N, C-alpha and C. Protein backbone atom coordinates (compact mmCIF):
# COMPACT_ATOMS: atom_id res chain seq x y z
N GLN A 1 18.89 2.25 3.94
CA GLN A 1 17.59 2.83 4.75
C GLN A 1 16.77 3.60 4.10
N VAL A 2 15.40 3.55 4.04
CA VAL A 2 14.09 3.85 3.22
C VAL A 2 13.43 4.53 4.51
N GLN A 3 13.15 5.72 3.92
CA GLN A 3 12.01 6.66 4.91
C GLN A 3 10.78 6.50 3.79
N LEU A 4 9.37 6.09 4.63
CA LEU A 4 8.21 6.35 3.71
C LEU A 4 7.16 7.05 4.13
N VAL A 5 6.45 8.09 3.11
CA VAL A 5 5.68 9.16 3.69
C VAL A 5 4.28 8.85 2.98
N GLU A 6 2.73 8.27 3.40
CA GLU A 6 2.14 8.64 2.88
C GLU A 6 1.44 9.32 2.72
N SER A 7 0.25 9.36 1.71
CA SER A 7 -0.61 10.66 1.84
C SER A 7 -1.80 9.80 0.92
N GLY A 8 -3.04 10.68 1.17
CA GLY A 8 -4.53 10.24 0.37
C GLY A 8 -5.40 9.65 1.02
N GLY A 9 -5.11 9.25 2.23
CA GLY A 9 -6.46 8.38 2.84
C GLY A 9 -7.56 9.44 3.07
N GLY A 10 -8.44 9.16 3.65
CA GLY A 10 -9.87 9.88 3.93
C GLY A 10 -10.93 9.00 4.08
N LEU A 11 -12.24 9.62 3.93
CA LEU A 11 -13.34 9.18 4.14
C LEU A 11 -14.19 9.09 2.80
N VAL A 12 -14.83 8.00 2.44
CA VAL A 12 -15.39 7.87 0.95
C VAL A 12 -16.35 6.80 1.39
N GLN A 13 -17.67 6.86 0.45
CA GLN A 13 -18.72 6.00 0.71
C GLN A 13 -18.77 4.74 -0.43
N ALA A 14 -19.22 4.17 0.10
CA ALA A 14 -18.91 2.66 -0.82
C ALA A 14 -19.06 2.52 -2.18
N GLY A 15 -18.46 2.18 -2.91
CA GLY A 15 -18.37 2.21 -4.21
C GLY A 15 -17.61 3.38 -4.73
N GLY A 16 -17.20 4.14 -3.81
CA GLY A 16 -16.28 5.19 -4.17
C GLY A 16 -14.70 4.92 -4.59
N SER A 17 -13.70 5.89 -4.73
CA SER A 17 -12.54 5.30 -4.72
C SER A 17 -11.66 6.43 -4.27
N LEU A 18 -10.23 5.92 -3.80
CA LEU A 18 -9.37 6.79 -3.10
C LEU A 18 -7.92 6.34 -3.85
N ARG A 19 -6.96 7.52 -3.87
CA ARG A 19 -5.67 7.03 -4.13
C ARG A 19 -4.96 7.42 -3.20
N LEU A 20 -4.10 6.56 -2.82
CA LEU A 20 -2.92 6.23 -1.86
C LEU A 20 -1.85 6.44 -2.60
N SER A 21 -0.60 7.31 -2.24
CA SER A 21 0.36 7.62 -2.69
C SER A 21 1.50 7.45 -1.35
N CYS A 22 2.69 6.84 -2.14
CA CYS A 22 3.85 6.92 -0.84
C CYS A 22 5.35 7.33 -1.56
N ALA A 23 5.75 8.54 -0.83
CA ALA A 23 6.77 9.00 -1.24
C ALA A 23 8.03 8.49 -0.73
N ALA A 24 9.13 7.96 -1.11
CA ALA A 24 10.34 7.30 -0.11
C ALA A 24 11.55 7.79 -0.76
N SER A 25 11.99 7.88 0.56
CA SER A 25 13.50 8.81 0.55
C SER A 25 14.66 7.67 0.40
N GLY A 26 15.68 7.76 -0.03
CA GLY A 26 16.94 6.97 -0.08
C GLY A 26 17.21 6.60 -1.94
N ARG A 27 18.42 6.43 -1.74
CA ARG A 27 19.25 5.87 -2.99
C ARG A 27 18.68 4.53 -3.54
N THR A 28 18.48 3.73 -2.69
CA THR A 28 18.27 2.30 -2.81
C THR A 28 16.88 2.08 -3.59
N PHE A 29 16.18 2.85 -3.57
CA PHE A 29 14.32 3.13 -3.62
C PHE A 29 14.19 1.77 -4.81
N SER A 30 15.03 2.04 -5.87
CA SER A 30 14.73 0.94 -7.10
C SER A 30 15.16 -0.47 -6.94
N ARG A 31 15.92 -0.72 -5.86
CA ARG A 31 15.85 -2.18 -5.71
C ARG A 31 15.34 -2.57 -4.40
N HIS A 32 14.63 -1.88 -4.08
CA HIS A 32 13.43 -2.32 -2.84
C HIS A 32 12.08 -2.91 -3.57
N HIS A 33 11.40 -3.80 -2.84
CA HIS A 33 9.81 -4.16 -3.39
C HIS A 33 9.40 -3.09 -2.67
N MET A 34 7.99 -2.65 -2.77
CA MET A 34 7.29 -2.17 -2.72
C MET A 34 6.34 -2.83 -2.30
N GLY A 35 5.26 -2.25 -1.29
CA GLY A 35 3.69 -2.45 -1.03
C GLY A 35 2.80 -2.06 -0.22
N TRP A 36 1.76 -2.38 0.17
CA TRP A 36 0.68 -1.81 0.93
C TRP A 36 0.19 -2.64 2.03
N LEU A 37 0.09 -2.79 3.11
CA LEU A 37 -0.50 -3.42 4.51
C LEU A 37 -1.52 -2.56 4.81
N ARG A 38 -2.39 -3.13 5.64
CA ARG A 38 -3.26 -2.72 6.49
C ARG A 38 -3.55 -3.37 7.34
N GLN A 39 -4.54 -2.62 8.34
CA GLN A 39 -4.80 -3.19 9.69
C GLN A 39 -6.09 -2.28 10.00
N ALA A 40 -7.09 -3.63 10.19
CA ALA A 40 -8.51 -3.10 10.56
C ALA A 40 -8.59 -2.91 12.18
N PRO A 41 -9.40 -2.44 12.71
CA PRO A 41 -9.56 -2.42 14.26
C PRO A 41 -9.50 -3.92 14.90
N GLY A 42 -8.61 -4.08 15.91
CA GLY A 42 -8.76 -5.49 16.34
C GLY A 42 -8.25 -6.73 15.54
N LYS A 43 -7.41 -6.08 14.22
CA LYS A 43 -7.23 -7.26 13.58
C LYS A 43 -5.69 -7.02 13.61
N GLU A 44 -5.41 -8.44 13.06
CA GLU A 44 -3.58 -8.11 12.51
C GLU A 44 -3.62 -7.71 11.20
N HIS A 45 -2.62 -7.19 11.11
CA HIS A 45 -1.87 -6.66 9.72
C HIS A 45 -2.09 -7.36 8.71
N GLU A 46 -2.80 -6.91 7.55
CA GLU A 46 -3.10 -7.58 6.27
C GLU A 46 -2.28 -6.97 5.12
N PHE A 47 -1.79 -8.02 4.39
CA PHE A 47 -1.13 -7.81 3.24
C PHE A 47 -2.04 -7.49 1.99
N VAL A 48 -2.10 -6.36 1.21
CA VAL A 48 -2.80 -5.70 0.53
C VAL A 48 -2.20 -5.88 -1.18
N ALA A 49 -1.11 -5.66 -1.57
CA ALA A 49 -0.66 -5.60 -2.58
C ALA A 49 0.76 -5.27 -2.19
N GLY A 50 1.86 -5.72 -3.67
CA GLY A 50 2.70 -5.63 -3.53
C GLY A 50 3.75 -5.55 -5.07
N ILE A 51 4.53 -4.90 -5.03
CA ILE A 51 5.18 -4.80 -6.37
C ILE A 51 6.95 -4.68 -6.29
N THR A 52 7.20 -5.37 -7.53
CA THR A 52 8.62 -5.83 -7.32
C THR A 52 9.26 -4.78 -7.95
N TRP A 53 10.74 -4.64 -7.48
CA TRP A 53 11.33 -3.83 -8.15
C TRP A 53 11.45 -3.51 -9.48
N SER A 54 11.13 -4.65 -10.23
CA SER A 54 11.42 -4.81 -11.69
C SER A 54 9.47 -4.63 -12.24
N GLY A 55 8.49 -4.13 -11.54
CA GLY A 55 7.14 -4.18 -11.70
C GLY A 55 6.10 -5.17 -11.88
N LEU A 56 6.56 -6.26 -10.98
CA LEU A 56 5.51 -7.42 -11.38
C LEU A 56 4.72 -7.43 -9.76
N ASN A 57 3.36 -7.49 -10.21
CA ASN A 57 2.59 -6.84 -8.84
C ASN A 57 1.61 -8.32 -8.47
N THR A 58 1.37 -8.40 -7.21
CA THR A 58 0.33 -8.95 -6.65
C THR A 58 -0.80 -8.41 -5.94
N TYR A 59 -1.67 -9.33 -5.40
CA TYR A 59 -2.91 -8.65 -4.46
C TYR A 59 -3.15 -9.66 -3.60
N LEU A 60 -4.02 -9.42 -2.67
CA LEU A 60 -4.80 -9.97 -1.87
C LEU A 60 -6.33 -10.59 -2.36
N ASP A 61 -6.45 -11.67 -2.55
CA ASP A 61 -7.60 -11.77 -3.20
C ASP A 61 -8.87 -11.15 -3.24
N SER A 62 -9.25 -10.44 -1.96
CA SER A 62 -10.38 -9.75 -2.01
C SER A 62 -10.17 -8.22 -2.57
N VAL A 63 -9.12 -7.70 -2.88
CA VAL A 63 -8.84 -6.74 -3.56
C VAL A 63 -8.81 -6.83 -5.19
N LYS A 64 -8.51 -8.00 -5.58
CA LYS A 64 -8.29 -7.86 -7.16
C LYS A 64 -9.01 -7.53 -7.72
N GLY A 65 -8.87 -6.66 -9.02
CA GLY A 65 -9.87 -6.27 -9.55
C GLY A 65 -10.31 -4.90 -9.35
N ARG A 66 -10.19 -4.48 -7.81
CA ARG A 66 -10.48 -3.40 -7.63
C ARG A 66 -9.02 -2.49 -7.29
N PHE A 67 -8.18 -2.86 -6.73
CA PHE A 67 -6.96 -2.11 -6.77
C PHE A 67 -5.98 -2.21 -7.44
N THR A 68 -5.03 -1.09 -7.90
CA THR A 68 -3.96 -1.09 -8.65
C THR A 68 -2.65 -0.79 -7.86
N ILE A 69 -1.71 -1.36 -7.69
CA ILE A 69 -0.62 -0.74 -7.46
C ILE A 69 0.60 -0.49 -8.58
N SER A 70 1.20 0.51 -8.48
CA SER A 70 1.96 1.08 -9.65
C SER A 70 3.45 1.75 -8.61
N ARG A 71 4.31 1.90 -9.73
CA ARG A 71 5.81 2.32 -8.82
C ARG A 71 6.07 3.27 -9.71
N ASP A 72 6.98 4.41 -9.36
CA ASP A 72 7.53 4.98 -10.57
C ASP A 72 9.07 5.38 -9.82
N ASN A 73 9.90 4.38 -10.35
CA ASN A 73 11.69 4.50 -9.80
C ASN A 73 12.03 5.89 -10.28
N ALA A 74 11.52 6.42 -11.14
CA ALA A 74 12.38 8.03 -11.39
C ALA A 74 11.95 8.85 -10.15
N LYS A 75 10.95 8.70 -9.56
CA LYS A 75 10.35 9.96 -8.26
C LYS A 75 10.39 9.37 -7.48
N ASN A 76 10.72 7.94 -6.97
CA ASN A 76 10.79 7.16 -5.61
C ASN A 76 9.28 6.96 -5.45
N THR A 77 8.28 6.86 -5.94
CA THR A 77 6.98 7.10 -5.44
C THR A 77 6.15 5.31 -5.71
N VAL A 78 4.88 5.09 -4.84
CA VAL A 78 4.53 4.14 -5.09
C VAL A 78 3.17 4.62 -5.16
N SER A 79 2.23 4.01 -5.37
CA SER A 79 0.46 4.42 -5.29
C SER A 79 -0.38 3.21 -5.18
N LEU A 80 -1.36 3.34 -5.16
CA LEU A 80 -2.51 2.18 -4.64
C LEU A 80 -3.61 3.02 -5.08
N GLN A 81 -3.98 2.89 -6.17
CA GLN A 81 -5.70 3.22 -6.67
C GLN A 81 -7.05 2.35 -5.85
N MET A 82 -7.71 2.99 -5.41
CA MET A 82 -8.49 1.82 -4.95
C MET A 82 -9.65 2.37 -5.59
N ASN A 83 -10.64 1.50 -6.26
CA ASN A 83 -12.05 1.33 -6.79
C ASN A 83 -12.84 0.54 -6.17
N SER A 84 -14.16 0.97 -6.46
CA SER A 84 -15.23 0.03 -6.10
C SER A 84 -14.96 -0.66 -4.38
N LEU A 85 -14.41 0.58 -3.79
CA LEU A 85 -14.53 0.73 -1.88
C LEU A 85 -15.85 -0.13 -1.55
N LYS A 86 -15.11 -0.67 -0.44
CA LYS A 86 -16.42 -1.53 0.50
C LYS A 86 -15.79 -1.11 1.95
N PRO A 87 -17.05 -0.95 2.90
CA PRO A 87 -16.55 -0.65 4.23
C PRO A 87 -15.75 -1.79 4.55
N GLU A 88 -15.44 -3.20 4.45
CA GLU A 88 -14.58 -3.99 4.97
C GLU A 88 -13.07 -3.55 4.64
N ASP A 89 -12.96 -2.40 3.67
CA ASP A 89 -11.86 -1.70 3.21
C ASP A 89 -11.26 -1.10 4.15
N THR A 90 -11.94 -0.59 5.16
CA THR A 90 -11.73 0.38 6.44
C THR A 90 -10.34 -0.27 6.96
N ALA A 91 -9.47 0.60 7.19
CA ALA A 91 -7.95 0.15 8.07
C ALA A 91 -7.14 1.55 7.55
N VAL A 92 -6.37 1.19 8.68
CA VAL A 92 -5.23 1.90 8.28
C VAL A 92 -3.90 1.52 7.20
N TYR A 93 -3.45 2.30 6.33
CA TYR A 93 -2.84 1.51 5.07
C TYR A 93 -1.57 1.80 5.52
N TYR A 94 -0.87 1.01 5.44
CA TYR A 94 1.01 1.52 5.46
C TYR A 94 1.77 1.15 4.38
N CYS A 95 2.67 1.85 3.60
CA CYS A 95 3.30 1.68 2.86
C CYS A 95 4.34 0.83 3.29
N VAL A 96 5.29 0.22 2.64
CA VAL A 96 6.05 -0.80 3.17
C VAL A 96 7.13 -0.88 2.05
N ALA A 97 8.49 -1.25 2.52
CA ALA A 97 9.44 -1.81 1.42
C ALA A 97 10.12 -2.80 2.12
N ASP A 98 11.16 -3.41 1.18
CA ASP A 98 12.01 -4.45 1.90
C ASP A 98 12.60 -4.87 0.50
N GLU A 99 14.06 -5.45 0.65
CA GLU A 99 14.56 -5.75 -0.40
C GLU A 99 13.98 -7.08 -0.49
N SER A 100 13.40 -8.16 0.42
CA SER A 100 13.02 -9.59 0.39
C SER A 100 11.65 -9.27 -0.26
N PHE A 101 10.97 -9.66 -1.14
CA PHE A 101 9.85 -10.04 -1.45
C PHE A 101 8.71 -10.69 -0.45
N GLY A 102 9.71 -11.59 0.13
CA GLY A 102 9.04 -12.72 0.73
C GLY A 102 8.98 -11.99 2.32
N LYS A 103 9.86 -11.56 2.79
CA LYS A 103 9.88 -10.22 3.93
C LYS A 103 8.62 -9.11 3.66
N LEU A 104 8.50 -8.71 2.79
CA LEU A 104 7.67 -7.41 1.89
C LEU A 104 6.40 -7.85 2.69
N VAL A 105 5.67 -9.22 1.97
CA VAL A 105 4.58 -9.50 2.46
C VAL A 105 3.96 -9.67 4.18
N GLU A 106 5.18 -10.34 4.76
CA GLU A 106 4.87 -10.30 6.06
C GLU A 106 5.46 -9.43 7.16
N ARG A 107 6.64 -9.66 7.32
CA ARG A 107 7.71 -8.37 8.00
C ARG A 107 8.75 -7.51 7.44
N PRO A 108 8.11 -6.33 6.62
CA PRO A 108 8.71 -5.38 6.07
C PRO A 108 9.63 -5.15 6.84
N ASP A 109 10.88 -4.55 6.14
CA ASP A 109 11.74 -3.67 6.95
C ASP A 109 11.55 -2.17 7.26
N TYR A 110 10.82 -1.78 6.16
CA TYR A 110 10.78 -0.52 6.10
C TYR A 110 9.07 -0.03 6.22
N TRP A 111 8.42 0.76 7.15
CA TRP A 111 7.02 1.11 7.16
C TRP A 111 7.09 2.74 7.21
N GLY A 112 5.87 2.95 6.67
CA GLY A 112 5.58 4.54 6.45
C GLY A 112 4.71 4.77 8.18
N GLN A 113 4.00 5.71 8.10
CA GLN A 113 3.64 6.22 9.29
C GLN A 113 1.82 5.86 9.56
N GLY A 114 1.32 5.14 8.26
CA GLY A 114 0.29 5.15 7.83
C GLY A 114 -0.69 6.24 7.53
N THR A 115 -1.72 5.62 7.06
CA THR A 115 -2.66 6.69 6.49
C THR A 115 -4.36 6.05 6.61
N GLN A 116 -5.44 6.64 7.00
CA GLN A 116 -6.33 6.30 7.35
C GLN A 116 -7.48 6.13 5.94
N VAL A 117 -8.01 4.90 6.09
CA VAL A 117 -9.34 4.74 5.14
C VAL A 117 -10.18 4.15 5.62
N THR A 118 -11.49 5.10 5.41
CA THR A 118 -12.82 4.87 6.00
C THR A 118 -13.78 4.89 4.98
N VAL A 119 -14.49 3.99 4.65
CA VAL A 119 -15.34 3.43 3.78
C VAL A 119 -16.60 3.27 4.56
N SER A 120 -17.73 4.44 3.98
CA SER A 120 -19.04 4.10 4.83
C SER A 120 -20.22 3.62 3.94
N SER A 121 -20.97 2.81 4.65
CA SER A 121 -22.19 1.95 3.89
C SER A 121 -23.35 3.18 3.56
């Protein structure tokens, strides 16, 4: 069982930066792949970034070069550094975890409560 708690959302102007953090509980954190999904109003959930237990990462094409995902297995945390934010990045961002990377991208087992990111133009 993994419990996830996000922090770091907020309101920022276009071109600005935010850093999202996710604290995970559970002794099996290091065996779980971690990631971030987002949901904009009226849209489906969208995979944003993921990082395997070994540190390999992957990104949604539209955030490549702007977002960076990282994890610290010793501290049970995963972060998402978001730079050059755009209004279309506005969404609720969810920290997610799963032992399967394939499931992580679409239907992760574990979800945080979500944190709002709003980018004004």
